[in-house]
Amino acid sequence: MTKWECQACGYIYDPAEGDVDNGIDPGTSFADLPEDWVCPMCGVGKDMFEELA
């Protein structure tokens, strides 16, 4: 699964790890994150993330 980087703070969303502190199970792809999910580090929305090559 592809990792995604927050363009505001550099946080990396890794689907293999999920975001368990915010109720996102490991194995959850970025596309399957809820629309209201925000960066756990700085609070920006999904639109501020870019896919890492």
PDB file of N, CA and C in Angstrom:
ATOM      1  N   MET A   1       0.838  -1.194   0.000  1.00  0.00           N
ATOM      2  CA  MET A   1       0.000   0.000   0.000  1.00  0.00           C
ATOM      3  C   MET A   1       0.879   1.252   0.000  1.00  0.00           C
ATOM      4  N   THR A   2       0.405   2.264  -0.663  1.00  0.00           N
ATOM      5  CA  THR A   2       1.151   3.502  -0.810  1.00  0.00           C
ATOM      6  C   THR A   2       1.048   4.371   0.434  1.00  0.00           C
ATOM      7  N   LYS A   3       2.154   4.999   0.808  1.00  0.00           N
ATOM      8  CA  LYS A   3       2.168   5.945   1.918  1.00  0.00           C
ATOM      9  C   LYS A   3       1.823   7.336   1.391  1.00  0.00           C
ATOM     10  N   TRP A   4       1.286   8.164   2.272  1.00  0.00           N
ATOM     11  CA  TRP A   4       0.882   9.526   1.920  1.00  0.00           C
ATOM     12  C   TRP A   4       1.520  10.504   2.903  1.00  0.00           C
ATOM     13  N   GLU A   5       1.976  11.657   2.395  1.00  0.00           N
ATOM     14  CA  GLU A   5       2.652  12.652   3.230  1.00  0.00           C
ATOM     15  C   GLU A   5       1.823  13.923   3.353  1.00  0.00           C
ATOM     16  N   CYS A   6       1.686  14.413   4.585  1.00  0.00           N
ATOM     17  CA  CYS A   6       1.022  15.690   4.836  1.00  0.00           C
ATOM     18  C   CYS A   6       1.938  16.808   4.353  1.00  0.00           C
ATOM     19  N   GLN A   7       1.425  17.652   3.476  1.00  0.00           N
ATOM     20  CA  GLN A   7       2.226  18.741   2.923  1.00  0.00           C
ATOM     21  C   GLN A   7       2.382  19.901   3.906  1.00  0.00           C
ATOM     22  N   ALA A   8       1.596  19.905   4.964  1.00  0.00           N
ATOM     23  CA  ALA A   8       1.689  20.966   5.961  1.00  0.00           C
ATOM     24  C   ALA A   8       2.770  20.687   7.011  1.00  0.00           C
ATOM     25  N   CYS A   9       2.868  19.407   7.450  1.00  0.00           N
ATOM     26  CA  CYS A   9       3.791  19.131   8.560  1.00  0.00           C
ATOM     27  C   CYS A   9       4.762  17.977   8.314  1.00  0.00           C
ATOM     28  N   GLY A  10       4.540  17.207   7.232  1.00  0.00           N
ATOM     29  CA  GLY A  10       5.448  16.106   6.924  1.00  0.00           C
ATOM     30  C   GLY A  10       5.053  14.767   7.518  1.00  0.00           C
ATOM     31  N   TYR A  11       3.920  14.708   8.234  1.00  0.00           N
ATOM     32  CA  TYR A  11       3.448  13.432   8.780  1.00  0.00           C
ATOM     33  C   TYR A  11       3.231  12.442   7.632  1.00  0.00           C
ATOM     34  N   ILE A  12       3.631  11.203   7.838  1.00  0.00           N
ATOM     35  CA  ILE A  12       3.436  10.152   6.846  1.00  0.00           C
ATOM     36  C   ILE A  12       2.323   9.219   7.311  1.00  0.00           C
ATOM     37  N   TYR A  13       1.265   9.114   6.497  1.00  0.00           N
ATOM     38  CA  TYR A  13       0.234   8.119   6.773  1.00  0.00           C
ATOM     39  C   TYR A  13       0.657   6.823   6.108  1.00  0.00           C
ATOM     40  N   ASP A  14       0.854   5.797   6.917  1.00  0.00           N
ATOM     41  CA  ASP A  14       1.248   4.477   6.433  1.00  0.00           C
ATOM     42  C   ASP A  14       0.059   3.539   6.622  1.00  0.00           C
ATOM     43  N   PRO A  15      -0.558   3.109   5.522  1.00  0.00           N
ATOM     44  CA  PRO A  15      -1.729   2.227   5.639  1.00  0.00           C
ATOM     45  C   PRO A  15      -1.461   0.950   6.433  1.00  0.00           C
ATOM     46  N   ALA A  16      -0.234   0.459   6.414  1.00  0.00           N
ATOM     47  CA  ALA A  16       0.096  -0.753   7.167  1.00  0.00           C
ATOM     48  C   ALA A  16      -0.034  -0.523   8.674  1.00  0.00           C
ATOM     49  N   GLU A  17       0.164   0.716   9.104  1.00  0.00           N
ATOM     50  CA  GLU A  17       0.069   1.056  10.526  1.00  0.00           C
ATOM     51  C   GLU A  17      -1.283   1.650  10.889  1.00  0.00           C
ATOM     52  N   GLY A  18      -1.956   2.278   9.931  1.00  0.00           N
ATOM     53  CA  GLY A  18      -3.214   2.954  10.225  1.00  0.00           C
ATOM     54  C   GLY A  18      -2.985   4.155  11.123  1.00  0.00           C
ATOM     55  N   ASP A  19      -4.018   4.530  11.848  1.00  0.00           N
ATOM     56  CA  ASP A  19      -3.961   5.638  12.813  1.00  0.00           C
ATOM     57  C   ASP A  19      -4.779   5.193  14.017  1.00  0.00           C
ATOM     58  N   VAL A  20      -4.233   4.195  14.724  1.00  0.00           N
ATOM     59  CA  VAL A  20      -4.991   3.535  15.791  1.00  0.00           C
ATOM     60  C   VAL A  20      -5.428   4.488  16.895  1.00  0.00           C
ATOM     61  N   ASP A  21      -4.653   5.539  17.151  1.00  0.00           N
ATOM     62  CA  ASP A  21      -5.034   6.509  18.183  1.00  0.00           C
ATOM     63  C   ASP A  21      -6.326   7.239  17.822  1.00  0.00           C
ATOM     64  N   ASN A  22      -6.654   7.253  16.531  1.00  0.00           N
ATOM     65  CA  ASN A  22      -7.865   7.935  16.069  1.00  0.00           C
ATOM     66  C   ASN A  22      -8.873   6.976  15.434  1.00  0.00           C
ATOM     67  N   GLY A  23      -8.770   5.692  15.794  1.00  0.00           N
ATOM     68  CA  GLY A  23      -9.759   4.710  15.387  1.00  0.00           C
ATOM     69  C   GLY A  23      -9.611   4.146  13.986  1.00  0.00           C
ATOM     70  N   ILE A  24      -8.438   4.336  13.371  1.00  0.00           N
ATOM     71  CA  ILE A  24      -8.198   3.810  12.022  1.00  0.00           C
ATOM     72  C   ILE A  24      -7.354   2.551  12.139  1.00  0.00           C
ATOM     73  N   ASP A  25      -7.929   1.419  11.764  1.00  0.00           N
ATOM     74  CA  ASP A  25      -7.249   0.134  11.892  1.00  0.00           C
ATOM     75  C   ASP A  25      -6.084  -0.009  10.917  1.00  0.00           C
ATOM     76  N   PRO A  26      -5.041  -0.744  11.323  1.00  0.00           N
ATOM     77  CA  PRO A  26      -3.978  -1.076  10.373  1.00  0.00           C
ATOM     78  C   PRO A  26      -4.570  -1.764   9.150  1.00  0.00           C
ATOM     79  N   GLY A  27      -4.008  -1.474   7.983  1.00  0.00           N
ATOM     80  CA  GLY A  27      -4.507  -2.041   6.746  1.00  0.00           C
ATOM     81  C   GLY A  27      -5.529  -1.170   6.039  1.00  0.00           C
ATOM     82  N   THR A  28      -5.855   0.000   6.615  1.00  0.00           N
ATOM     83  CA  THR A  28      -6.816   0.913   5.999  1.00  0.00           C
ATOM     84  C   THR A  28      -6.113   1.794   4.970  1.00  0.00           C
ATOM     85  N   SER A  29      -6.521   1.667   3.708  1.00  0.00           N
ATOM     86  CA  SER A  29      -5.904   2.479   2.665  1.00  0.00           C
ATOM     87  C   SER A  29      -6.299   3.937   2.835  1.00  0.00           C
ATOM     88  N   PHE A  30      -5.490   4.826   2.250  1.00  0.00           N
ATOM     89  CA  PHE A  30      -5.781   6.259   2.344  1.00  0.00           C
ATOM     90  C   PHE A  30      -7.154   6.564   1.750  1.00  0.00           C
ATOM     91  N   ALA A  31      -7.476   5.919   0.640  1.00  0.00           N
ATOM     92  CA  ALA A  31      -8.768   6.144  -0.018  1.00  0.00           C
ATOM     93  C   ALA A  31      -9.945   5.743   0.867  1.00  0.00           C
ATOM     94  N   ASP A  32      -9.719   4.794   1.780  1.00  0.00           N
ATOM     95  CA  ASP A  32     -10.788   4.323   2.656  1.00  0.00           C
ATOM     96  C   ASP A  32     -10.902   5.093   3.967  1.00  0.00           C
ATOM     97  N   LEU A  33     -10.031   6.085   4.169  1.00  0.00           N
ATOM     98  CA  LEU A  33     -10.144   6.916   5.366  1.00  0.00           C
ATOM     99  C   LEU A  33     -11.439   7.730   5.291  1.00  0.00           C
ATOM    100  N   PRO A  34     -12.095   7.977   6.431  1.00  0.00           N
ATOM    101  CA  PRO A  34     -13.305   8.810   6.403  1.00  0.00           C
ATOM    102  C   PRO A  34     -12.982  10.197   5.845  1.00  0.00           C
ATOM    103  N   GLU A  35     -13.953  10.814   5.180  1.00  0.00           N
ATOM    104  CA  GLU A  35     -13.737  12.137   4.591  1.00  0.00           C
ATOM    105  C   GLU A  35     -13.387  13.187   5.650  1.00  0.00           C
ATOM    106  N   ASP A  36     -13.835  12.977   6.890  1.00  0.00           N
ATOM    107  CA  ASP A  36     -13.553  13.956   7.946  1.00  0.00           C
ATOM    108  C   ASP A  36     -12.276  13.637   8.730  1.00  0.00           C
ATOM    109  N   TRP A  37     -11.515  12.627   8.279  1.00  0.00           N
ATOM    110  CA  TRP A  37     -10.240  12.318   8.928  1.00  0.00           C
ATOM    111  C   TRP A  37      -9.282  13.480   8.710  1.00  0.00           C
ATOM    112  N   VAL A  38      -8.508  13.809   9.742  1.00  0.00           N
ATOM    113  CA  VAL A  38      -7.525  14.884   9.641  1.00  0.00           C
ATOM    114  C   VAL A  38      -6.162  14.378  10.091  1.00  0.00           C
ATOM    115  N   CYS A  39      -5.128  15.069   9.670  1.00  0.00           N
ATOM    116  CA  CYS A  39      -3.766  14.729  10.070  1.00  0.00           C
ATOM    117  C   CYS A  39      -3.671  14.732  11.589  1.00  0.00           C
ATOM    118  N   PRO A  40      -3.190  13.635  12.182  1.00  0.00           N
ATOM    119  CA  PRO A  40      -3.108  13.573  13.646  1.00  0.00           C
ATOM    120  C   PRO A  40      -2.044  14.509  14.228  1.00  0.00           C
ATOM    121  N   MET A  41      -1.157  15.013  13.398  1.00  0.00           N
ATOM    122  CA  MET A  41      -0.104  15.912  13.891  1.00  0.00           C
ATOM    123  C   MET A  41      -0.508  17.383  13.829  1.00  0.00           C
ATOM    124  N   CYS A  42      -1.166  17.794  12.718  1.00  0.00           N
ATOM    125  CA  CYS A  42      -1.443  19.230  12.573  1.00  0.00           C
ATOM    126  C   CYS A  42      -2.901  19.566  12.294  1.00  0.00           C
ATOM    127  N   GLY A  43      -3.729  18.560  12.018  1.00  0.00           N
ATOM    128  CA  GLY A  43      -5.163  18.794  11.887  1.00  0.00           C
ATOM    129  C   GLY A  43      -5.682  19.200  10.520  1.00  0.00           C
ATOM    130  N   VAL A  44      -4.835  19.183   9.481  1.00  0.00           N
ATOM    131  CA  VAL A  44      -5.337  19.524   8.144  1.00  0.00           C
ATOM    132  C   VAL A  44      -6.069  18.332   7.537  1.00  0.00           C
ATOM    133  N   GLY A  45      -6.886  18.592   6.533  1.00  0.00           N
ATOM    134  CA  GLY A  45      -7.684  17.553   5.908  1.00  0.00           C
ATOM    135  C   GLY A  45      -6.910  16.707   4.907  1.00  0.00           C
ATOM    136  N   LYS A  46      -7.598  15.681   4.398  1.00  0.00           N
ATOM    137  CA  LYS A  46      -6.996  14.737   3.446  1.00  0.00           C
ATOM    138  C   LYS A  46      -6.498  15.423   2.182  1.00  0.00           C
ATOM    139  N   ASP A  47      -7.086  16.556   1.826  1.00  0.00           N
ATOM    140  CA  ASP A  47      -6.700  17.253   0.600  1.00  0.00           C
ATOM    141  C   ASP A  47      -5.289  17.831   0.665  1.00  0.00           C
ATOM    142  N   MET A  48      -4.702  17.851   1.866  1.00  0.00           N
ATOM    143  CA  MET A  48      -3.349  18.375   2.029  1.00  0.00           C
ATOM    144  C   MET A  48      -2.288  17.258   1.981  1.00  0.00           C
ATOM    145  N   PHE A  49      -2.699  16.049   1.631  1.00  0.00           N
ATOM    146  CA  PHE A  49      -1.779  14.917   1.540  1.00  0.00           C
ATOM    147  C   PHE A  49      -1.448  14.618   0.096  1.00  0.00           C
ATOM    148  N   GLU A  50      -0.202  14.201  -0.127  1.00  0.00           N
ATOM    149  CA  GLU A  50       0.234  13.775  -1.451  1.00  0.00           C
ATOM    150  C   GLU A  50       0.805  12.366  -1.364  1.00  0.00           C
ATOM    151  N   GLU A  51       0.504  11.595  -2.394  1.00  0.00           N
ATOM    152  CA  GLU A  51       0.992  10.215  -2.471  1.00  0.00           C
ATOM    153  C   GLU A  51       2.503  10.194  -2.654  1.00  0.00           C
ATOM    154  N   LEU A  52       3.173   9.333  -1.901  1.00  0.00           N
ATOM    155  CA  LEU A  52       4.622   9.184  -2.053  1.00  0.00           C
ATOM    156  C   LEU A  52       4.914   8.159  -3.135  1.00  0.00           C
ATOM    157  N   ALA A  53       5.894   8.453  -3.946  1.00  0.00           N
ATOM    158  CA  ALA A  53       6.262   7.538  -5.043  1.00  0.00           C
ATOM    159  C   ALA A  53       7.031   6.350  -4.518  1.00  0.00           C
TER     160      ALA A  53
END
